[in-house]
Amino acid sequence: MNQKQVAIVGCGVSGLSCGIKFLEAGFQVKIVARDLPPNTTSNAAAAIWYPYKAYPEAKVLQWGRIALEEYDRLTSILESGVTNVTLIELFKDVACDPWWKDAVPNFRYALKAEIPPGYRSGYAILVPAIDTQIYMNYLLERFKLLGGAIESRTISSFFQLESESNLIINCAGLGAKEIASDSDLYPIRGQIIQVRGKNLNRSFIDQTSASVPTYIVPRTHDCILGGTAEDNNWSLTVNEDTANSILNRCQKLEPKLKDIEIVDRIVGLRPGRKEVRLELEPISANLMVIHNYGHGGAGFTLAWGCAEEVLQIALDRTSADKFSAKKL
């Protein structure tokens, strides 16, 4: 495979992770996207390893394990913005083993002293917390240093890229609803608050209410408070009542959040789907697309595992004569 070229649609965490994997495997890679960091949905995420609203479970476990290994390596790289934090999930009743328990090496039930008032039980895991303000730029620079090219352009059809590459990786997130004509894809609206850091050493999540999860994610220089999970809500406008509710809920969980300085209120749309779509689709005699989208609220949790599978599909299912020698 002397001339291996690939075009990637989307420059969020999935697109950049795939781009890095393909570059490391010897491909020439160009990312084409409407939005580039810091203006992607990934940049707005409260990114922590947690398989949230992503399916199917068996594949999520597989992808999540791979991502954990990569993030563990990245914790030793200061400029990556990846650190480890203790995540405690809280329950009003007795906690049961989560379906993803076997994916983490350090699962344990929370100690009584770790459980805030109003809760009966919980479990604790040591997981990567990804500061998106640092990490997305780290991925972008890593991609460029490896020789990747980036173009800001809106794509409405894969055929617009046919003259540039015969293999396209679709990491368009919610944009795949249009470009891939996927009626199964829907927005999951998330609203969060960014506050000044409080030197917190633990993260909390309470999913008692499915549409109104409460979570606290400490990062390098700030802390993210959330949130919402509103299916089929396309609004990107900050709701002040929702913001006040988030603040009140998080302050009840963590007393250190009293008298905090609010930096920003942020809204993002997660790409919801009944299952992550990761598959090869030949769309013409000369054009193949590998879809990689629909990660729900687990884009960072699954990015490296999905990128590895996307690369393997490309290596297994294509050969040198299926890649054009056209220059990107």
Protein backbone atom coordinates (compact mmCIF):
# COMPACT_ATOMS: atom_id res chain seq x y z
CA MET A 1 0.00 0.00 0.00
CA ASN A 2 2.26 2.78 -1.29
CA GLN A 3 -0.36 5.51 -1.54
CA LYS A 4 -2.76 5.14 1.36
CA GLN A 5 -5.05 8.12 1.60
CA VAL A 6 -8.07 8.76 3.75
CA ALA A 7 -10.43 11.68 4.27
CA ILE A 8 -12.08 12.07 7.68
CA VAL A 9 -15.29 14.04 8.13
CA GLY A 10 -15.41 15.66 11.58
CA CYS A 11 -12.77 17.19 13.83
CA GLY A 12 -14.08 16.26 17.26
CA VAL A 13 -12.49 13.69 19.54
CA SER A 14 -13.50 10.79 17.27
CA GLY A 15 -12.20 12.39 14.08
CA LEU A 16 -8.87 13.41 15.61
CA SER A 17 -8.35 10.05 17.32
CA CYS A 18 -8.99 8.24 14.04
CA GLY A 19 -6.73 10.66 12.21
CA ILE A 20 -3.85 10.00 14.59
CA LYS A 21 -4.31 6.22 14.35
CA PHE A 22 -4.31 6.31 10.54
CA LEU A 23 -1.28 8.60 10.37
CA GLU A 24 0.65 6.31 12.71
CA ALA A 25 -0.24 3.41 10.40
CA GLY A 26 1.30 5.18 7.40
CA PHE A 27 -1.77 6.75 5.80
CA GLN A 28 -2.00 10.24 4.39
CA VAL A 29 -4.89 11.88 6.22
CA LYS A 30 -7.01 14.95 5.66
CA ILE A 31 -9.74 16.05 8.05
CA VAL A 32 -12.61 18.03 6.59
CA ALA A 33 -15.02 19.62 9.07
CA ARG A 34 -17.39 22.52 9.48
CA ASP A 35 -16.25 23.14 13.07
CA LEU A 36 -12.69 22.89 14.32
CA PRO A 37 -11.39 23.01 17.90
CA PRO A 38 -12.14 24.90 20.08
CA ASN A 39 -15.59 25.14 18.50
CA THR A 40 -16.58 21.45 18.44
CA THR A 41 -19.09 19.58 20.59
CA SER A 42 -16.15 17.65 22.04
CA ASN A 43 -14.65 20.87 23.39
CA ALA A 44 -17.84 21.48 25.38
CA ALA A 45 -17.88 18.05 27.02
CA ALA A 46 -17.40 17.25 30.70
CA ALA A 47 -15.05 14.53 29.62
CA ILE A 48 -14.51 11.68 32.04
CA TRP A 49 -14.25 7.95 31.37
CA TYR A 50 -17.79 6.68 31.82
CA PRO A 51 -19.90 4.64 29.34
CA TYR A 52 -22.86 7.03 29.34
CA LYS A 53 -25.73 6.45 26.90
CA ALA A 54 -23.65 4.33 24.53
CA TYR A 55 -24.58 0.91 23.11
CA PRO A 56 -24.26 -2.04 22.47
CA GLU A 57 -22.85 -2.93 25.85
CA ALA A 58 -20.48 -5.70 24.72
CA LYS A 59 -18.80 -3.48 22.14
CA VAL A 60 -18.73 -0.52 24.52
CA LEU A 61 -16.84 -2.64 27.04
CA GLN A 62 -14.31 -3.61 24.39
CA TRP A 63 -13.80 -0.05 23.13
CA GLY A 64 -13.77 1.35 26.65
CA ARG A 65 -10.99 -0.97 27.82
CA ILE A 66 -8.78 0.12 24.94
CA ALA A 67 -9.43 3.78 25.73
CA LEU A 68 -8.58 3.24 29.39
CA GLU A 69 -5.18 1.87 28.41
CA GLU A 70 -4.46 4.84 26.17
CA TYR A 71 -5.56 7.40 28.76
CA ASP A 72 -3.45 5.65 31.38
CA ARG A 73 -0.45 6.26 29.13
CA LEU A 74 -1.46 9.88 28.56
CA THR A 75 -1.57 10.66 32.29
CA SER A 76 2.23 10.68 32.16
CA ILE A 77 2.17 13.41 29.49
CA LEU A 78 1.50 16.72 31.25
CA GLU A 79 0.49 18.60 28.10
CA SER A 80 -2.28 16.06 27.35
CA GLY A 81 -4.56 17.37 30.09
CA VAL A 82 -5.43 13.82 31.20
CA THR A 83 -5.41 13.06 34.93
CA ASN A 84 -6.90 10.38 37.15
CA VAL A 85 -9.78 11.16 39.49
CA THR A 86 -11.95 9.09 41.83
CA LEU A 87 -15.48 8.95 40.42
CA ILE A 88 -18.24 8.10 42.88
CA GLU A 89 -21.66 7.17 41.52
CA LEU A 90 -24.37 7.67 44.11
CA PHE A 91 -27.67 5.86 44.74
CA LYS A 92 -30.71 6.50 46.90
CA ASP A 93 -31.04 2.72 47.41
CA VAL A 94 -28.61 -0.20 47.45
CA ALA A 95 -26.14 -0.03 44.59
CA CYS A 96 -25.86 -2.98 42.21
CA ASP A 97 -22.87 -3.90 40.07
CA PRO A 98 -22.89 -1.78 36.88
CA TRP A 99 -22.85 -3.60 33.55
CA TRP A 100 -19.45 -2.05 32.74
CA LYS A 101 -17.79 -3.21 36.00
CA ASP A 102 -15.40 -5.61 34.25
CA ALA A 103 -13.97 -2.82 32.10
CA VAL A 104 -12.30 -1.06 35.05
CA PRO A 105 -9.51 -2.65 37.11
CA ASN A 106 -10.24 -0.90 40.39
CA PHE A 107 -13.98 -1.10 41.00
CA ARG A 108 -15.06 -0.90 44.66
CA TYR A 109 -18.08 0.10 46.68
CA ALA A 110 -17.90 3.54 48.24
CA LEU A 111 -17.05 3.96 51.89
CA LYS A 112 -19.67 5.44 54.19
CA ALA A 113 -17.52 8.54 54.64
CA GLU A 114 -17.51 9.07 50.86
CA ILE A 115 -21.28 9.15 50.52
CA PRO A 116 -22.94 12.58 50.90
CA PRO A 117 -26.13 13.03 52.97
CA GLY A 118 -29.29 11.89 51.20
CA TYR A 119 -27.73 8.84 49.59
CA ARG A 120 -27.64 5.25 50.77
CA SER A 121 -24.81 3.74 48.73
CA GLY A 122 -22.46 4.12 45.81
CA TYR A 123 -19.41 2.74 44.10
CA ALA A 124 -16.04 4.30 43.34
CA ILE A 125 -13.64 3.90 40.43
CA LEU A 126 -10.38 5.61 39.52
CA VAL A 127 -10.88 6.92 35.99
CA PRO A 128 -9.31 9.38 33.56
CA ALA A 129 -10.63 12.92 33.58
CA ILE A 130 -9.92 14.71 30.31
CA ASP A 131 -9.62 18.48 30.38
CA THR A 132 -11.02 19.23 26.94
CA GLN A 133 -9.57 22.76 26.87
CA ILE A 134 -6.12 21.16 26.96
CA TYR A 135 -6.72 17.73 25.45
CA MET A 136 -8.42 18.79 22.21
CA ASN A 137 -5.54 21.11 21.41
CA TYR A 138 -3.11 18.31 22.30
CA LEU A 139 -4.84 15.99 19.81
CA LEU A 140 -4.89 18.71 17.17
CA GLU A 141 -1.18 19.42 17.50
CA ARG A 142 -0.34 15.71 17.61
CA PHE A 143 -2.33 15.19 14.42
CA LYS A 144 -0.52 18.07 12.66
CA LEU A 145 2.93 16.95 13.83
CA LEU A 146 2.26 13.54 12.31
CA GLY A 147 1.60 15.24 8.96
CA GLY A 148 -2.18 15.44 8.97
CA ALA A 149 -4.00 18.14 7.00
CA ILE A 150 -7.15 19.99 8.09
CA GLU A 151 -9.67 21.94 6.06
CA SER A 152 -12.66 23.87 7.38
CA ARG A 153 -15.44 23.05 4.96
CA THR A 154 -19.07 21.96 5.16
CA ILE A 155 -19.79 18.62 3.50
CA SER A 156 -23.35 17.63 2.57
CA SER A 157 -22.44 14.51 0.56
CA PHE A 158 -19.60 12.00 0.71
CA PHE A 159 -19.32 12.28 -3.06
CA GLN A 160 -17.90 15.78 -2.58
CA LEU A 161 -14.73 14.06 -1.37
CA GLU A 162 -14.55 11.37 -4.04
CA SER A 163 -11.96 13.31 -6.08
CA GLU A 164 -9.71 13.48 -3.02
CA SER A 165 -9.91 9.99 -1.53
CA ASN A 166 -11.61 6.65 -2.12
CA LEU A 167 -11.87 5.98 1.62
CA ILE A 168 -13.82 8.26 3.94
CA ILE A 169 -14.15 7.96 7.72
CA ASN A 170 -17.43 9.42 8.90
CA CYS A 171 -16.89 10.97 12.33
CA ALA A 172 -19.45 13.71 11.82
CA GLY A 173 -21.28 13.11 15.11
CA LEU A 174 -24.75 14.58 14.99
CA GLY A 175 -23.96 15.90 11.51
CA ALA A 176 -24.21 12.32 10.26
CA LYS A 177 -27.98 12.66 10.51
CA GLU A 178 -27.84 14.66 7.29
CA ILE A 179 -24.69 13.48 5.55
CA ALA A 180 -25.43 9.77 6.16
CA SER A 181 -29.24 10.18 5.99
CA ASP A 182 -29.54 8.49 9.39
CA SER A 183 -33.01 8.88 10.88
CA ASP A 184 -31.93 6.89 13.96
CA LEU A 185 -29.58 9.66 15.09
CA TYR A 186 -30.95 12.25 17.51
CA PRO A 187 -29.63 15.02 19.78
CA ILE A 188 -29.22 14.58 23.53
CA ARG A 189 -29.00 18.14 24.82
CA GLY A 190 -26.50 18.71 27.60
CA GLN A 191 -26.17 21.91 29.60
CA ILE A 192 -23.25 22.45 31.99
CA ILE A 193 -21.59 25.16 34.08
CA GLN A 194 -17.87 25.86 34.09
CA VAL A 195 -16.60 27.22 37.43
CA ARG A 196 -13.22 28.14 38.86
CA GLY A 197 -11.29 25.21 40.29
CA LYS A 198 -11.79 24.27 43.93
CA ASN A 199 -8.98 21.72 44.30
CA LEU A 200 -11.46 18.85 44.32
CA ASN A 201 -10.00 15.34 44.29
CA ARG A 202 -13.16 13.43 43.52
CA SER A 203 -15.96 13.42 40.97
CA PHE A 204 -19.63 12.65 41.61
CA ILE A 205 -22.48 11.44 39.45
CA ASP A 206 -26.12 10.90 40.38
CA GLN A 207 -28.40 9.47 37.70
CA THR A 208 -31.54 9.19 39.82
CA SER A 209 -33.24 11.28 37.15
CA ALA A 210 -32.35 10.07 33.66
CA SER A 211 -33.04 13.41 31.96
CA VAL A 212 -31.48 15.49 34.74
CA PRO A 213 -28.23 13.79 35.81
CA THR A 214 -26.12 15.57 38.40
CA TYR A 215 -22.35 15.41 38.05
CA ILE A 216 -19.21 17.18 39.18
CA VAL A 217 -16.02 16.81 37.16
CA PRO A 218 -12.86 18.55 38.46
CA ARG A 219 -10.31 19.47 35.80
CA THR A 220 -6.84 21.02 35.70
CA HIS A 221 -7.83 24.65 36.24
CA ASP A 222 -11.60 24.54 36.60
CA CYS A 223 -14.56 22.28 37.36
CA ILE A 224 -17.56 21.23 35.28
CA LEU A 225 -21.01 20.99 36.88
CA GLY A 226 -23.89 19.26 35.16
CA GLY A 227 -26.22 18.65 33.78
CA THR A 228 -29.04 17.60 31.48
CA ALA A 229 -29.74 14.77 29.04
CA GLU A 230 -32.72 15.93 26.99
CA ASP A 231 -33.52 13.65 24.06
CA ASN A 232 -34.52 15.30 20.77
CA ASN A 233 -33.92 18.83 22.06
CA TRP A 234 -31.97 20.83 19.44
CA SER A 235 -31.74 24.08 21.42
CA LEU A 236 -28.25 25.49 21.93
CA THR A 237 -29.56 28.38 24.04
CA VAL A 238 -28.60 28.42 27.72
CA ASN A 239 -31.62 28.03 29.99
CA GLU A 240 -31.09 30.12 33.14
CA ASP A 241 -33.55 28.07 35.23
CA THR A 242 -31.65 24.94 34.26
CA ALA A 243 -28.35 26.62 35.15
CA ASN A 244 -29.66 27.53 38.60
CA SER A 245 -30.92 23.97 39.11
CA ILE A 246 -27.53 22.51 38.16
CA LEU A 247 -25.74 24.83 40.57
CA ASN A 248 -28.08 24.01 43.45
CA ARG A 249 -27.88 20.26 42.90
CA CYS A 250 -24.09 20.24 42.71
CA GLN A 251 -23.67 22.42 45.78
CA LYS A 252 -25.74 19.95 47.78
CA LEU A 253 -23.39 17.18 46.67
CA GLU A 254 -20.17 19.05 47.33
CA PRO A 255 -20.08 21.78 50.04
CA LYS A 256 -16.78 23.08 48.63
CA LEU A 257 -18.76 24.48 45.71
CA LYS A 258 -20.35 27.20 47.83
CA ASP A 259 -19.40 30.76 46.82
CA ILE A 260 -17.84 29.66 43.53
CA GLU A 261 -17.01 31.86 40.55
CA ILE A 262 -18.93 30.92 37.42
CA VAL A 263 -16.82 31.11 34.26
CA ASP A 264 -19.34 30.04 31.63
CA ARG A 265 -22.62 28.28 30.92
CA ILE A 266 -22.35 25.85 28.00
CA VAL A 267 -24.75 23.80 25.89
CA GLY A 268 -23.80 20.89 23.64
CA LEU A 269 -25.68 18.27 21.65
CA ARG A 270 -24.56 14.67 22.13
CA PRO A 271 -25.10 12.31 19.14
CA GLY A 272 -27.63 9.78 20.45
CA ARG A 273 -28.37 6.49 18.74
CA LYS A 274 -29.68 3.06 19.78
CA GLU A 275 -26.23 1.70 18.86
CA VAL A 276 -22.92 3.22 17.86
CA ARG A 277 -22.61 2.91 14.12
CA LEU A 278 -19.19 1.52 13.29
CA GLU A 279 -19.22 -0.29 9.96
CA LEU A 280 -17.96 -0.25 6.39
CA GLU A 281 -20.37 0.91 3.68
CA PRO A 282 -19.42 0.84 -0.02
CA ILE A 283 -21.47 3.69 -1.49
CA SER A 284 -20.18 3.41 -5.06
CA ALA A 285 -17.72 1.39 -7.12
CA ASN A 286 -14.98 3.86 -6.23
CA LEU A 287 -15.96 5.11 -2.77
CA MET A 288 -16.10 3.44 0.62
CA VAL A 289 -17.18 4.96 3.93
CA ILE A 290 -16.40 3.65 7.41
CA HIS A 291 -18.98 5.11 9.76
CA ASN A 292 -17.95 5.97 13.31
CA TYR A 293 -20.63 7.97 15.11
CA GLY A 294 -23.53 7.78 17.54
CA HIS A 295 -21.43 7.60 20.72
CA GLY A 296 -24.04 9.28 22.90
CA GLY A 297 -22.42 10.75 26.00
CA ALA A 298 -19.35 8.51 25.75
CA GLY A 299 -17.36 10.00 22.89
CA PHE A 300 -14.16 10.34 24.94
CA THR A 301 -14.75 7.00 26.67
CA LEU A 302 -14.85 5.16 23.35
CA ALA A 303 -12.72 7.29 21.01
CA TRP A 304 -9.48 5.30 21.04
CA GLY A 305 -11.17 1.90 21.00
CA CYS A 306 -13.39 2.87 18.08
CA ALA A 307 -10.46 4.45 16.23
CA GLU A 308 -8.51 1.21 16.54
CA GLU A 309 -11.41 -0.80 15.10
CA VAL A 310 -11.93 1.67 12.27
CA LEU A 311 -8.26 1.34 11.32
CA GLN A 312 -8.45 -2.44 11.45
CA ILE A 313 -11.49 -2.45 9.16
CA ALA A 314 -9.58 -0.31 6.68
CA LEU A 315 -6.56 -2.60 6.80
CA ASP A 316 -8.61 -5.80 6.58
CA ARG A 317 -11.12 -4.81 3.94
CA THR A 318 -9.10 -2.70 1.53
CA SER A 319 -5.97 -3.16 -0.53
CA ALA A 320 -3.58 -0.93 -2.43
CA ASP A 321 -5.60 -0.87 -5.64
CA LYS A 322 -8.66 0.45 -3.78
CA PHE A 323 -6.87 3.62 -2.76
CA SER A 324 -6.39 6.34 -5.31
CA ALA A 325 -3.04 7.95 -5.83
CA LYS A 326 -4.69 11.36 -5.95
CA LYS A 327 -2.99 13.96 -3.81
CA LEU A 328 -5.05 15.31 -0.93
